[in-house]
Amino acid sequence: MAATIRNPGFDDTSEWVFDGIACFLANYKGQFEADFSLTGDFYQSNIGTIEGGVYDVTFTIGGVAAFTDVDVDLGGDSVHIGSGEGSGEKTVRITAGAVDTLTFSFASSSALDVMTIDNVSIEMIHFETVSSVDGSFGSLNLVWLWLKNWAMLEAADGNFVAQDGVAPYLYYVKSYTSDKWTYKIHGGFTFDISAIPAGAKITGVTEKLYGQAKTNDFKLFEGELGLYSFNPGNKETYAVGDYANIGTDFLSDTTYTYNSWQVHTVTPALALNEFTYNSTGIAAVQAALDGDGLFCHCCRELNYDVGVNTPVSEFDKTFRLLFHGHVAAVGFRPTLLITYTYISGRGPLIDGSLAGRSSLIDGVLIS
């Protein structure tokens, strides 16, 4: 019995017929329809090979509800959905130990059942990595003749860098008199994401920073800290000149003030400060993945450092937030969690009995 493939992307009436073999998804999402004509027909779809990891597989079971079962297999892991669970959208969590093939298997319970598996999407739960480099860089003015007002401090050359410490500065400013400043220091981070397979599409990014300490004795400067782009001269070894390489792309809508920044030195959960990346941040991580696999960013203050406002200086006051660096104890290290979609290969739809019809809808035919 022949199998039929229909692709409305070309012509709603166009059909390609093969001897019992049809092919499946050309993209991450598509719609596959299996029309069973005999009780007990068995269909199997090898969607494609994917890398080892934990995945959420989302799909919709349509058509009649009276199916016998649906099995989603990924290598040695399998999730079974029984007929009693009904149709509709399903999400199953499944684990690949290495490079494995994702397979759907299903069977009808009635001679004339029509069942669909629609809108298949595969999302890795997360790729998790600790920063490979972190540290602080900025401008220090410790001699009276070097003291600067805020505008001069922002335009100054960098002369300070400290890398891979246990408790680097996330942000540090210090005033000397009513119009002079001595410090402005930024925290910087590099994450190696090159283990994510080439061609993956980043769908979400979350960053976890763990506060180590904080100080603020200003009366009028609370600070609002956010994550921004950063393009160091050497992504693996920061230098004093990187003070000039801080960027203006705002990577996460999450910000922290002195009061909201959590700190702890014993319990990681009490020190957790979490940033959810916005579309700009996700695009920046994607660009890093498509490039050299090293993603960098820094921390800046929104209102005065990035903004056009000038803070009120006070005599000998300090604002600083510190974080646990990547050489800190396990559980406290800066961590980037990335979700992405990825399919590296595609296989055929196999009609085990050669007694049915199958269609690819809203996809692209692969011969």
Protein backbone atom coordinates (compact mmCIF):
# COMPACT_ATOMS: atom_id res chain seq x y z
CA MET A 1 0.00 0.00 0.00
CA ALA A 2 1.43 3.38 -0.90
CA ALA A 3 1.96 6.30 1.45
CA THR A 4 1.00 9.83 0.46
CA ILE A 5 2.80 13.06 1.31
CA ARG A 6 1.02 16.39 0.89
CA ASN A 7 2.73 19.77 1.21
CA PRO A 8 0.49 22.86 0.99
CA GLY A 9 3.63 25.00 0.92
CA PHE A 10 3.70 24.25 -2.80
CA ASP A 11 0.13 23.39 -3.73
CA ASP A 12 -2.68 22.10 -1.55
CA THR A 13 -3.53 19.47 -4.15
CA SER A 14 0.03 18.29 -4.87
CA GLU A 15 0.82 14.76 -3.74
CA TRP A 16 3.94 12.62 -3.83
CA VAL A 17 3.47 8.88 -3.45
CA PHE A 18 6.07 6.37 -2.24
CA ASP A 19 5.87 2.65 -1.66
CA GLY A 20 4.98 2.63 2.01
CA ILE A 21 7.67 5.14 3.01
CA ALA A 22 7.04 8.76 3.89
CA CYS A 23 9.43 11.30 5.38
CA PHE A 24 8.94 13.49 8.39
CA LEU A 25 9.80 16.94 9.72
CA ALA A 26 12.05 19.24 7.75
CA ASN A 27 11.75 21.88 10.45
CA TYR A 28 11.48 21.84 14.22
CA LYS A 29 7.72 22.13 13.99
CA GLY A 30 5.34 20.50 11.53
CA GLN A 31 2.25 18.36 11.42
CA PHE A 32 2.16 14.66 10.73
CA GLU A 33 -1.10 12.82 10.10
CA ALA A 34 -1.51 9.05 10.14
CA ASP A 35 -4.79 7.59 8.87
CA PHE A 36 -5.14 4.01 10.09
CA SER A 37 -7.23 1.61 8.02
CA LEU A 38 -6.71 -1.62 9.95
CA THR A 39 -7.01 -2.41 13.65
CA GLY A 40 -3.61 -2.68 15.24
CA ASP A 41 -1.66 -0.85 12.54
CA PHE A 42 1.68 0.23 13.97
CA TYR A 43 3.37 3.45 12.95
CA GLN A 44 6.83 4.65 13.89
CA SER A 45 8.39 8.04 13.14
CA ASN A 46 12.11 8.60 13.63
CA ILE A 47 12.14 12.36 13.98
CA GLY A 48 15.90 12.72 14.18
CA THR A 49 19.04 12.34 16.21
CA ILE A 50 19.73 14.74 19.06
CA GLU A 51 22.58 15.22 21.49
CA GLY A 52 22.64 13.81 25.00
CA GLY A 53 20.72 15.80 27.59
CA VAL A 54 17.30 16.32 29.15
CA TYR A 55 14.53 17.44 26.80
CA ASP A 56 10.92 18.54 26.86
CA VAL A 57 9.08 17.07 23.86
CA THR A 58 5.78 18.83 23.20
CA PHE A 59 3.20 17.59 20.69
CA THR A 60 -0.55 17.43 20.18
CA ILE A 61 -2.55 14.23 19.79
CA GLY A 62 -5.52 14.95 17.56
CA GLY A 63 -8.21 13.08 15.68
CA VAL A 64 -10.18 10.49 17.62
CA ALA A 65 -9.38 9.93 21.25
CA ALA A 66 -9.59 6.12 21.06
CA PHE A 67 -5.94 5.34 20.42
CA THR A 68 -4.28 2.36 22.04
CA ASP A 69 -1.06 4.06 23.07
CA VAL A 70 1.64 6.52 22.13
CA ASP A 71 5.26 5.89 23.09
CA VAL A 72 7.94 8.55 22.91
CA ASP A 73 11.40 7.02 22.91
CA LEU A 74 14.81 8.61 23.15
CA GLY A 75 17.53 5.99 23.17
CA GLY A 76 17.02 3.93 26.31
CA ASP A 77 14.45 6.28 27.85
CA SER A 78 10.76 5.91 27.01
CA VAL A 79 7.54 7.67 28.03
CA HIS A 80 4.20 5.94 27.49
CA ILE A 81 0.91 7.80 27.07
CA GLY A 82 -2.09 5.51 27.46
CA SER A 83 -5.47 5.96 25.79
CA GLY A 84 -7.01 6.87 29.12
CA GLU A 85 -5.08 10.14 29.15
CA GLY A 86 -7.02 11.41 26.15
CA SER A 87 -5.92 13.59 23.26
CA GLY A 88 -4.68 17.18 23.26
CA GLU A 89 -1.32 18.79 23.91
CA LYS A 90 1.25 16.67 25.73
CA THR A 91 4.67 17.46 27.12
CA VAL A 92 6.96 14.67 28.19
CA ARG A 93 10.39 14.97 29.76
CA ILE A 94 12.89 12.50 28.42
CA THR A 95 16.63 11.94 28.72
CA ALA A 96 19.24 11.07 26.10
CA GLY A 97 22.41 9.60 27.50
CA ALA A 98 24.38 10.32 24.33
CA VAL A 99 23.44 10.96 20.70
CA ASP A 100 20.09 9.18 20.36
CA THR A 101 17.14 8.96 17.99
CA LEU A 102 13.80 10.45 19.04
CA THR A 103 10.97 8.15 17.99
CA PHE A 104 7.17 8.28 18.13
CA SER A 105 5.34 4.93 18.05
CA PHE A 106 1.57 4.66 18.14
CA ALA A 107 -1.27 2.32 17.23
CA SER A 108 -5.00 2.64 16.65
CA SER A 109 -7.70 0.80 18.57
CA SER A 110 -10.35 0.93 15.88
CA ALA A 111 -10.39 -0.10 12.25
CA LEU A 112 -11.21 3.39 10.98
CA ASP A 113 -9.41 5.61 13.49
CA VAL A 114 -7.75 8.78 12.26
CA MET A 115 -5.08 10.11 14.62
CA THR A 116 -2.70 13.04 14.25
CA ILE A 117 0.57 13.95 15.92
CA ASP A 118 0.82 17.72 15.43
CA ASN A 119 3.10 20.63 16.33
CA VAL A 120 6.06 18.63 17.50
CA SER A 121 8.73 20.71 19.19
CA ILE A 122 11.83 19.59 21.05
CA GLU A 123 13.44 21.81 23.65
CA MET A 124 16.45 20.95 25.74
CA ILE A 125 15.65 21.66 29.36
CA HIS A 126 18.91 23.44 29.83
CA PHE A 127 22.56 23.58 29.10
CA GLU A 128 24.26 24.70 32.29
CA THR A 129 27.73 26.16 32.59
CA VAL A 130 29.74 28.01 35.21
CA SER A 131 31.66 31.12 34.16
CA SER A 132 35.13 30.26 32.91
CA VAL A 133 36.41 33.77 33.61
CA ASP A 134 35.10 36.50 35.91
CA GLY A 135 36.59 39.51 37.57
CA SER A 136 36.52 43.29 37.92
CA PHE A 137 38.02 46.20 36.02
CA GLY A 138 37.76 49.95 36.25
CA SER A 139 39.37 53.25 37.12
CA LEU A 140 40.92 54.03 40.51
CA ASN A 141 42.05 57.52 41.46
CA LEU A 142 43.85 57.34 44.76
CA VAL A 143 45.97 60.48 44.51
CA TRP A 144 44.42 63.91 45.07
CA LEU A 145 45.62 65.22 41.73
CA TRP A 146 43.96 62.31 39.95
CA LEU A 147 40.51 62.80 41.45
CA LYS A 148 37.77 63.37 38.87
CA ASN A 149 34.19 64.49 38.66
CA TRP A 150 31.67 61.92 37.43
CA ALA A 151 31.93 62.77 33.72
CA MET A 152 35.72 62.65 33.85
CA LEU A 153 35.63 59.35 35.73
CA GLU A 154 33.41 57.80 33.08
CA ALA A 155 35.74 58.98 30.30
CA ALA A 156 38.96 58.00 32.10
CA ASP A 157 41.30 55.24 31.03
CA GLY A 158 41.11 52.03 32.99
CA ASN A 159 43.95 51.31 35.41
CA PHE A 160 42.59 48.43 37.49
CA VAL A 161 41.87 44.77 36.79
CA ALA A 162 41.45 41.73 39.05
CA GLN A 163 40.50 38.34 37.62
CA ASP A 164 39.33 35.03 39.04
CA GLY A 165 39.00 36.13 42.65
CA VAL A 166 36.77 34.47 45.21
CA ALA A 167 34.66 37.64 45.68
CA PRO A 168 34.98 40.07 42.73
CA TYR A 169 33.15 43.39 42.58
CA LEU A 170 29.92 43.40 40.63
CA TYR A 171 29.87 47.20 40.86
CA TYR A 172 31.85 49.60 43.05
CA VAL A 173 31.84 53.38 43.27
CA LYS A 174 33.46 55.53 45.93
CA SER A 175 33.24 59.28 46.42
CA TYR A 176 35.85 61.54 48.01
CA THR A 177 34.30 65.01 48.24
CA SER A 178 31.08 66.66 47.14
CA ASP A 179 32.20 66.66 43.50
CA LYS A 180 35.09 64.20 43.26
CA TRP A 181 35.17 60.43 42.88
CA THR A 182 37.89 57.86 43.46
CA TYR A 183 36.55 54.51 42.16
CA LYS A 184 34.29 53.15 39.45
CA ILE A 185 34.64 49.39 38.92
CA HIS A 186 32.58 46.90 36.88
CA GLY A 187 32.22 43.14 37.11
CA GLY A 188 32.76 41.08 33.96
CA PHE A 189 31.96 37.49 32.98
CA THR A 190 32.88 35.00 30.28
CA PHE A 191 30.87 31.81 29.76
CA ASP A 192 32.05 29.04 27.46
CA ILE A 193 28.94 27.76 25.64
CA SER A 194 30.76 25.98 22.82
CA ALA A 195 29.47 22.58 23.98
CA ILE A 196 26.02 23.48 22.62
CA PRO A 197 25.80 21.93 19.13
CA ALA A 198 26.24 24.20 16.13
CA GLY A 199 22.93 25.13 14.57
CA ALA A 200 21.00 25.10 17.85
CA LYS A 201 18.43 27.83 18.36
CA ILE A 202 18.59 29.52 21.77
CA THR A 203 15.10 29.86 23.25
CA GLY A 204 15.80 31.11 26.77
CA VAL A 205 18.62 32.18 29.07
CA THR A 206 18.74 32.55 32.85
CA GLU A 207 21.77 33.66 34.83
CA LYS A 208 22.35 32.97 38.50
CA LEU A 209 24.73 35.16 40.49
CA TYR A 210 25.33 34.64 44.18
CA GLY A 211 25.94 37.72 46.30
CA GLN A 212 28.95 37.65 48.62
CA ALA A 213 28.74 41.05 50.35
CA LYS A 214 27.40 44.59 49.95
CA THR A 215 28.06 48.06 51.34
CA ASN A 216 26.26 51.37 50.92
CA ASP A 217 26.69 54.36 53.21
CA PHE A 218 25.50 56.95 50.66
CA LYS A 219 22.34 58.80 51.55
CA LEU A 220 21.28 59.49 47.95
CA PHE A 221 22.84 56.71 45.88
CA GLU A 222 21.15 53.32 46.03
CA GLY A 223 22.13 52.16 42.56
CA GLU A 224 20.25 49.96 40.11
CA LEU A 225 22.40 47.26 38.54
CA GLY A 226 21.83 45.37 35.31
CA LEU A 227 23.61 43.16 32.81
CA TYR A 228 25.10 44.75 29.69
CA SER A 229 27.15 43.77 26.68
CA PHE A 230 30.91 43.57 27.03
CA ASN A 231 33.58 43.04 24.39
CA PRO A 232 36.93 42.55 26.11
CA GLY A 233 40.10 42.58 24.09
CA ASN A 234 40.77 39.02 25.22
CA LYS A 235 37.74 37.08 26.39
CA GLU A 236 39.84 34.80 28.58
CA THR A 237 42.20 37.35 30.11
CA TYR A 238 40.80 40.74 31.13
CA ALA A 239 42.97 43.87 31.00
CA VAL A 240 42.82 47.44 32.34
CA GLY A 241 41.82 48.63 28.87
CA ASP A 242 38.56 46.69 29.09
CA TYR A 243 37.13 49.58 31.10
CA ALA A 244 36.58 51.14 27.66
CA ASN A 245 34.94 47.99 26.26
CA ILE A 246 31.74 47.98 28.31
CA GLY A 247 28.66 48.05 26.10
CA THR A 248 25.16 49.53 26.11
CA ASP A 249 23.04 46.53 25.04
CA PHE A 250 20.70 45.74 27.92
CA LEU A 251 20.60 41.95 28.24
CA SER A 252 18.02 41.37 30.96
CA ASP A 253 15.06 43.37 32.22
CA THR A 254 15.88 42.07 35.71
CA THR A 255 17.76 44.61 37.85
CA TYR A 256 18.97 44.75 41.44
CA THR A 257 19.40 47.59 43.91
CA TYR A 258 21.43 47.59 47.09
CA ASN A 259 18.36 46.54 49.06
CA SER A 260 17.31 43.71 46.72
CA TRP A 261 20.79 42.21 46.17
CA GLN A 262 20.90 38.99 48.20
CA VAL A 263 24.12 38.01 49.99
CA HIS A 264 25.20 34.98 52.01
CA THR A 265 28.41 33.06 52.58
CA VAL A 266 27.02 29.76 53.88
CA THR A 267 23.76 28.92 52.08
CA PRO A 268 23.64 29.43 48.27
CA ALA A 269 19.85 29.73 48.16
CA LEU A 270 20.04 32.80 50.42
CA ALA A 271 22.60 34.43 48.13
CA LEU A 272 20.80 33.81 44.83
CA ASN A 273 20.18 36.70 42.42
CA GLU A 274 18.57 35.53 39.20
CA PHE A 275 18.44 37.33 35.84
CA THR A 276 16.06 36.34 33.04
CA TYR A 277 17.41 37.41 29.66
CA ASN A 278 15.30 39.49 27.29
CA SER A 279 15.28 39.16 23.48
CA THR A 280 18.44 41.27 23.20
CA GLY A 281 20.23 39.03 25.67
CA ILE A 282 19.07 35.84 23.98
CA ALA A 283 20.27 37.21 20.63
CA ALA A 284 23.65 38.03 22.18
CA VAL A 285 24.05 34.47 23.47
CA GLN A 286 22.98 33.14 20.06
CA ALA A 287 25.58 35.34 18.35
CA ALA A 288 28.26 34.03 20.71
CA LEU A 289 27.24 30.43 19.99
CA ASP A 290 27.35 31.09 16.25
CA GLY A 291 30.77 32.73 16.71
CA ASP A 292 33.61 31.55 18.94
CA GLY A 293 31.40 30.02 21.64
CA LEU A 294 32.46 32.52 24.33
CA PHE A 295 29.74 34.77 25.72
CA CYS A 296 30.78 37.88 27.68
CA HIS A 297 28.87 40.52 29.59
CA CYS A 298 29.42 43.08 32.31
CA CYS A 299 27.47 44.87 35.01
CA ARG A 300 26.53 48.55 34.82
CA GLU A 301 24.43 51.01 36.81
CA LEU A 302 21.32 52.07 34.88
CA ASN A 303 20.66 55.62 36.05
CA TYR A 304 24.13 57.18 36.27
CA ASP A 305 26.58 54.88 34.55
CA VAL A 306 24.46 54.13 31.48
CA GLY A 307 22.00 56.97 32.00
CA VAL A 308 22.72 60.67 31.59
CA ASN A 309 22.18 61.59 35.23
CA THR A 310 25.02 62.66 37.51
CA PRO A 311 24.98 61.16 41.01
CA VAL A 312 25.37 63.41 44.03
CA SER A 313 28.79 62.85 45.53
CA GLU A 314 29.16 62.78 49.30
CA PHE A 315 32.23 62.88 51.47
CA ASP A 316 34.02 59.52 51.62
CA LYS A 317 31.08 57.24 50.82
CA THR A 318 31.06 53.73 49.31
CA PHE A 319 28.61 51.71 47.25
CA ARG A 320 29.64 48.18 46.32
CA LEU A 321 28.10 44.82 45.51
CA LEU A 322 30.29 41.71 45.46
CA PHE A 323 29.56 38.26 44.04
CA HIS A 324 30.98 34.79 44.47
CA GLY A 325 33.34 34.10 41.55
CA HIS A 326 33.82 30.87 39.64
CA VAL A 327 36.59 29.78 42.01
CA ALA A 328 34.21 29.98 44.99
CA ALA A 329 32.66 26.92 46.62
CA VAL A 330 30.39 24.70 44.54
CA GLY A 331 26.85 26.05 44.63
CA PHE A 332 27.95 29.69 44.72
CA ARG A 333 29.52 29.98 41.27
CA PRO A 334 28.07 32.20 38.49
CA THR A 335 25.89 29.96 36.35
CA LEU A 336 24.27 30.36 32.95
CA LEU A 337 21.30 28.12 32.08
CA ILE A 338 20.39 27.97 28.40
CA THR A 339 17.43 26.26 26.73
CA TYR A 340 17.58 25.56 23.03
CA THR A 341 15.99 23.54 20.23
CA TYR A 342 18.06 21.28 18.08
CA ILE A 343 17.61 18.38 15.66
CA SER A 344 20.73 17.23 13.85
CA GLY A 345 19.22 14.59 11.58
CA ARG A 346 15.89 13.32 10.25
CA GLY A 347 14.67 9.87 9.38
CA PRO A 348 11.70 8.29 7.59
CA LEU A 349 8.20 7.61 8.76
CA ILE A 350 7.84 3.84 8.68
CA ASP A 351 4.40 2.33 8.12
CA GLY A 352 4.91 -1.07 9.69
CA SER A 353 1.93 -2.73 7.96
CA LEU A 354 2.04 -0.74 4.70
CA ALA A 355 -1.71 -0.45 5.12
CA GLY A 356 -2.25 3.23 5.83
CA ARG A 357 -1.90 6.72 4.50
CA SER A 358 0.36 9.40 5.95
CA SER A 359 0.61 13.11 5.29
CA LEU A 360 3.10 15.83 6.08
CA ILE A 361 1.23 19.06 6.61
CA ASP A 362 2.82 22.51 6.93
CA GLY A 363 6.26 21.06 6.40
CA VAL A 364 8.74 20.51 3.61
CA LEU A 365 9.02 17.27 1.70
CA ILE A 366 12.30 15.38 2.01
CA SER A 367 12.86 12.59 -0.52
